[in-house]
Amino acid sequence: MLKKNTLVNLLKIIDDKNPNLFKQDSVQSRGGWACAWATLLLVGAIVGLVACSTWILCFFAVLSCAAAINSVIDNCYQYIDL
């Protein structure tokens, strides 16, 4: 419990010193290369998900696929015409 409390206090101190650090609106556009890398990593994560053989590898493949989807959303939203 003490470790978790220390981590929370550290995050609160960091947030007090720099309030824009954890806000999504403060993230600047990363350009087309970031979108291309995110898409490439998503393809790799899907390949890893298809090829997983044990439950632990499948668990990590699902986590990496979720992270890759989040990265594509963050980096490619300005290129998607909705």
N, C-alpha and C. Protein backbone atom coordinates (compact mmCIF):
# COMPACT_ATOMS: atom_id res chain seq x y z
N MET A 1 0.82 -1.19 0.00
CA MET A 1 0.00 0.00 0.00
C MET A 1 0.87 1.26 0.00
N LEU A 2 1.98 1.19 0.68
CA LEU A 2 2.85 2.35 0.77
C LEU A 2 3.44 2.70 -0.60
N LYS A 3 3.78 1.67 -1.41
CA LYS A 3 4.32 1.93 -2.74
C LYS A 3 3.29 2.63 -3.63
N LYS A 4 2.03 2.16 -3.55
CA LYS A 4 0.98 2.78 -4.36
C LYS A 4 0.73 4.21 -3.92
N ASN A 5 0.75 4.46 -2.63
CA ASN A 5 0.53 5.80 -2.12
C ASN A 5 1.66 6.73 -2.56
N THR A 6 2.88 6.24 -2.56
CA THR A 6 4.03 7.03 -3.01
C THR A 6 3.90 7.36 -4.48
N LEU A 7 3.46 6.40 -5.28
CA LEU A 7 3.29 6.63 -6.71
C LEU A 7 2.20 7.67 -6.97
N VAL A 8 1.09 7.56 -6.26
CA VAL A 8 0.01 8.52 -6.44
C VAL A 8 0.46 9.91 -6.02
N ASN A 9 1.16 10.02 -4.92
CA ASN A 9 1.67 11.32 -4.48
C ASN A 9 2.65 11.91 -5.48
N LEU A 10 3.50 11.07 -6.06
CA LEU A 10 4.45 11.53 -7.07
C LEU A 10 3.72 12.06 -8.30
N LEU A 11 2.68 11.34 -8.74
CA LEU A 11 1.91 11.80 -9.89
C LEU A 11 1.18 13.10 -9.60
N LYS A 12 0.68 13.26 -8.39
CA LYS A 12 0.02 14.51 -8.02
C LYS A 12 1.01 15.67 -8.01
N ILE A 13 2.22 15.45 -7.52
CA ILE A 13 3.23 16.50 -7.52
C ILE A 13 3.60 16.89 -8.95
N ILE A 14 3.77 15.90 -9.81
CA ILE A 14 4.10 16.18 -11.21
C ILE A 14 2.96 16.96 -11.86
N ASP A 15 1.73 16.57 -11.57
CA ASP A 15 0.58 17.27 -12.14
C ASP A 15 0.47 18.70 -11.62
N ASP A 16 0.83 18.92 -10.36
CA ASP A 16 0.80 20.28 -9.81
C ASP A 16 1.86 21.17 -10.45
N LYS A 17 3.02 20.61 -10.74
CA LYS A 17 4.10 21.39 -11.35
C LYS A 17 3.83 21.68 -12.83
N ASN A 18 3.24 20.73 -13.53
CA ASN A 18 2.97 20.89 -14.95
C ASN A 18 1.56 20.36 -15.25
N PRO A 19 0.53 21.21 -15.13
CA PRO A 19 -0.85 20.73 -15.28
C PRO A 19 -1.21 20.26 -16.68
N ASN A 20 -0.49 20.70 -17.70
CA ASN A 20 -0.81 20.29 -19.07
C ASN A 20 -0.16 18.98 -19.48
N LEU A 21 0.61 18.38 -18.60
CA LEU A 21 1.35 17.17 -18.96
C LEU A 21 0.42 15.99 -19.26
N PHE A 22 -0.63 15.82 -18.47
CA PHE A 22 -1.51 14.66 -18.61
C PHE A 22 -2.78 14.96 -19.39
N LYS A 23 -2.88 16.13 -20.01
CA LYS A 23 -4.07 16.47 -20.78
C LYS A 23 -3.90 16.06 -22.23
N GLN A 24 -4.96 15.50 -22.81
CA GLN A 24 -4.91 15.05 -24.19
C GLN A 24 -4.83 16.23 -25.16
N ASP A 25 -5.42 17.37 -24.82
CA ASP A 25 -5.44 18.50 -25.73
C ASP A 25 -4.06 19.11 -25.93
N SER A 26 -3.13 18.86 -25.00
CA SER A 26 -1.80 19.45 -25.11
C SER A 26 -0.89 18.66 -26.05
N VAL A 27 -1.34 17.51 -26.53
CA VAL A 27 -0.53 16.70 -27.43
C VAL A 27 -0.58 17.33 -28.82
N GLN A 28 0.57 17.60 -29.38
CA GLN A 28 0.62 18.22 -30.69
C GLN A 28 0.60 17.16 -31.78
N SER A 29 0.27 17.59 -32.97
CA SER A 29 0.22 16.69 -34.11
C SER A 29 1.61 16.13 -34.39
N ARG A 30 1.69 14.86 -34.68
CA ARG A 30 2.98 14.21 -34.89
C ARG A 30 3.28 14.01 -36.37
N GLY A 31 2.32 14.25 -37.23
CA GLY A 31 2.57 14.16 -38.66
C GLY A 31 2.24 12.80 -39.25
N GLY A 32 2.48 12.70 -40.55
CA GLY A 32 2.13 11.49 -41.29
C GLY A 32 2.99 10.28 -40.97
N TRP A 33 4.26 10.52 -40.60
CA TRP A 33 5.13 9.38 -40.28
C TRP A 33 4.66 8.66 -39.03
N ALA A 34 4.16 9.39 -38.05
CA ALA A 34 3.66 8.75 -36.83
C ALA A 34 2.44 7.90 -37.14
N CYS A 35 1.60 8.39 -38.04
CA CYS A 35 0.43 7.62 -38.46
C CYS A 35 0.86 6.35 -39.21
N ALA A 36 1.85 6.49 -40.06
CA ALA A 36 2.34 5.33 -40.81
C ALA A 36 2.94 4.28 -39.88
N TRP A 37 3.74 4.72 -38.90
CA TRP A 37 4.33 3.78 -37.94
C TRP A 37 3.24 3.11 -37.10
N ALA A 38 2.25 3.89 -36.68
CA ALA A 38 1.17 3.32 -35.87
C ALA A 38 0.39 2.27 -36.66
N THR A 39 0.17 2.54 -37.94
CA THR A 39 -0.54 1.57 -38.78
C THR A 39 0.29 0.31 -38.97
N LEU A 40 1.59 0.49 -39.19
CA LEU A 40 2.47 -0.67 -39.34
C LEU A 40 2.52 -1.51 -38.07
N LEU A 41 2.57 -0.85 -36.93
CA LEU A 41 2.57 -1.59 -35.66
C LEU A 41 1.24 -2.28 -35.41
N LEU A 42 0.15 -1.69 -35.87
CA LEU A 42 -1.15 -2.35 -35.74
C LEU A 42 -1.19 -3.62 -36.57
N VAL A 43 -0.65 -3.56 -37.77
CA VAL A 43 -0.59 -4.77 -38.62
C VAL A 43 0.25 -5.84 -37.93
N GLY A 44 1.39 -5.45 -37.36
CA GLY A 44 2.23 -6.41 -36.64
C GLY A 44 1.53 -6.99 -35.42
N ALA A 45 0.76 -6.17 -34.72
CA ALA A 45 0.03 -6.67 -33.55
C ALA A 45 -1.06 -7.65 -33.96
N ILE A 46 -1.71 -7.39 -35.08
CA ILE A 46 -2.74 -8.32 -35.57
C ILE A 46 -2.11 -9.63 -36.00
N VAL A 47 -0.96 -9.57 -36.65
CA VAL A 47 -0.24 -10.80 -37.02
C VAL A 47 0.14 -11.58 -35.77
N GLY A 48 0.62 -10.89 -34.75
CA GLY A 48 0.96 -11.55 -33.50
C GLY A 48 -0.25 -12.17 -32.82
N LEU A 49 -1.40 -11.52 -32.95
CA LEU A 49 -2.62 -12.06 -32.36
C LEU A 49 -3.07 -13.32 -33.09
N VAL A 50 -2.93 -13.32 -34.39
CA VAL A 50 -3.31 -14.49 -35.18
C VAL A 50 -2.36 -15.66 -34.91
N ALA A 51 -1.09 -15.36 -34.67
CA ALA A 51 -0.07 -16.41 -34.53
C ALA A 51 0.18 -16.84 -33.09
N CYS A 52 -0.57 -16.34 -32.13
CA CYS A 52 -0.27 -16.69 -30.73
C CYS A 52 -0.56 -18.17 -30.48
N SER A 53 0.28 -18.79 -29.66
CA SER A 53 0.16 -20.23 -29.46
C SER A 53 -0.16 -20.61 -28.02
N THR A 54 0.21 -19.80 -27.05
CA THR A 54 -0.08 -20.11 -25.66
C THR A 54 -0.93 -18.99 -25.08
N TRP A 55 -1.53 -19.24 -23.95
CA TRP A 55 -2.43 -18.24 -23.37
C TRP A 55 -1.68 -16.97 -22.96
N ILE A 56 -0.46 -17.11 -22.51
CA ILE A 56 0.29 -15.91 -22.10
C ILE A 56 0.69 -15.07 -23.32
N LEU A 57 1.07 -15.73 -24.41
CA LEU A 57 1.37 -14.99 -25.63
C LEU A 57 0.13 -14.34 -26.21
N CYS A 58 -1.00 -15.02 -26.11
CA CYS A 58 -2.26 -14.42 -26.58
C CYS A 58 -2.63 -13.22 -25.72
N PHE A 59 -2.38 -13.30 -24.43
CA PHE A 59 -2.66 -12.18 -23.54
C PHE A 59 -1.84 -10.96 -23.95
N PHE A 60 -0.55 -11.15 -24.16
CA PHE A 60 0.31 -10.04 -24.58
C PHE A 60 -0.04 -9.56 -25.98
N ALA A 61 -0.49 -10.46 -26.84
CA ALA A 61 -0.89 -10.05 -28.19
C ALA A 61 -2.16 -9.18 -28.14
N VAL A 62 -3.09 -9.52 -27.26
CA VAL A 62 -4.29 -8.71 -27.11
C VAL A 62 -3.93 -7.33 -26.55
N LEU A 63 -3.03 -7.29 -25.57
CA LEU A 63 -2.60 -6.01 -25.01
C LEU A 63 -1.91 -5.15 -26.06
N SER A 64 -1.03 -5.75 -26.85
CA SER A 64 -0.32 -4.98 -27.87
C SER A 64 -1.28 -4.53 -28.98
N CYS A 65 -2.29 -5.33 -29.27
CA CYS A 65 -3.27 -4.94 -30.28
C CYS A 65 -4.08 -3.74 -29.77
N ALA A 66 -4.48 -3.77 -28.51
CA ALA A 66 -5.22 -2.64 -27.94
C ALA A 66 -4.36 -1.37 -27.92
N ALA A 67 -3.10 -1.51 -27.57
CA ALA A 67 -2.20 -0.35 -27.56
C ALA A 67 -1.98 0.19 -28.98
N ALA A 68 -1.89 -0.71 -29.95
CA ALA A 68 -1.70 -0.28 -31.33
C ALA A 68 -2.94 0.42 -31.87
N ILE A 69 -4.11 -0.06 -31.51
CA ILE A 69 -5.35 0.61 -31.92
C ILE A 69 -5.42 2.00 -31.32
N ASN A 70 -5.05 2.13 -30.05
CA ASN A 70 -5.03 3.43 -29.40
C ASN A 70 -4.03 4.37 -30.09
N SER A 71 -2.89 3.84 -30.47
CA SER A 71 -1.88 4.64 -31.15
C SER A 71 -2.37 5.11 -32.52
N VAL A 72 -3.06 4.24 -33.24
CA VAL A 72 -3.61 4.63 -34.55
C VAL A 72 -4.65 5.73 -34.37
N ILE A 73 -5.49 5.59 -33.36
CA ILE A 73 -6.51 6.62 -33.11
C ILE A 73 -5.84 7.94 -32.76
N ASP A 74 -4.82 7.92 -31.92
CA ASP A 74 -4.14 9.15 -31.52
C ASP A 74 -3.39 9.81 -32.67
N ASN A 75 -2.75 9.03 -33.51
CA ASN A 75 -1.87 9.59 -34.53
C ASN A 75 -2.52 9.80 -35.89
N CYS A 76 -3.64 9.15 -36.15
CA CYS A 76 -4.23 9.20 -37.50
C CYS A 76 -5.59 9.86 -37.54
N TYR A 77 -6.06 10.42 -36.43
CA TYR A 77 -7.43 10.94 -36.43
C TYR A 77 -7.59 12.11 -37.40
N GLN A 78 -6.56 12.91 -37.62
CA GLN A 78 -6.71 14.05 -38.51
C GLN A 78 -6.72 13.64 -39.99
N TYR A 79 -6.31 12.41 -40.29
CA TYR A 79 -6.30 11.94 -41.67
C TYR A 79 -7.55 11.15 -42.04
N ILE A 80 -8.40 10.86 -41.06
CA ILE A 80 -9.61 10.10 -41.30
C ILE A 80 -10.75 11.08 -41.51
N ASP A 81 -11.43 10.96 -42.63
CA ASP A 81 -12.54 11.85 -42.96
C ASP A 81 -13.85 11.17 -42.53
N LEU A 82 -14.41 11.66 -41.43
CA LEU A 82 -15.66 11.07 -40.94
C LEU A 82 -16.84 11.92 -41.29
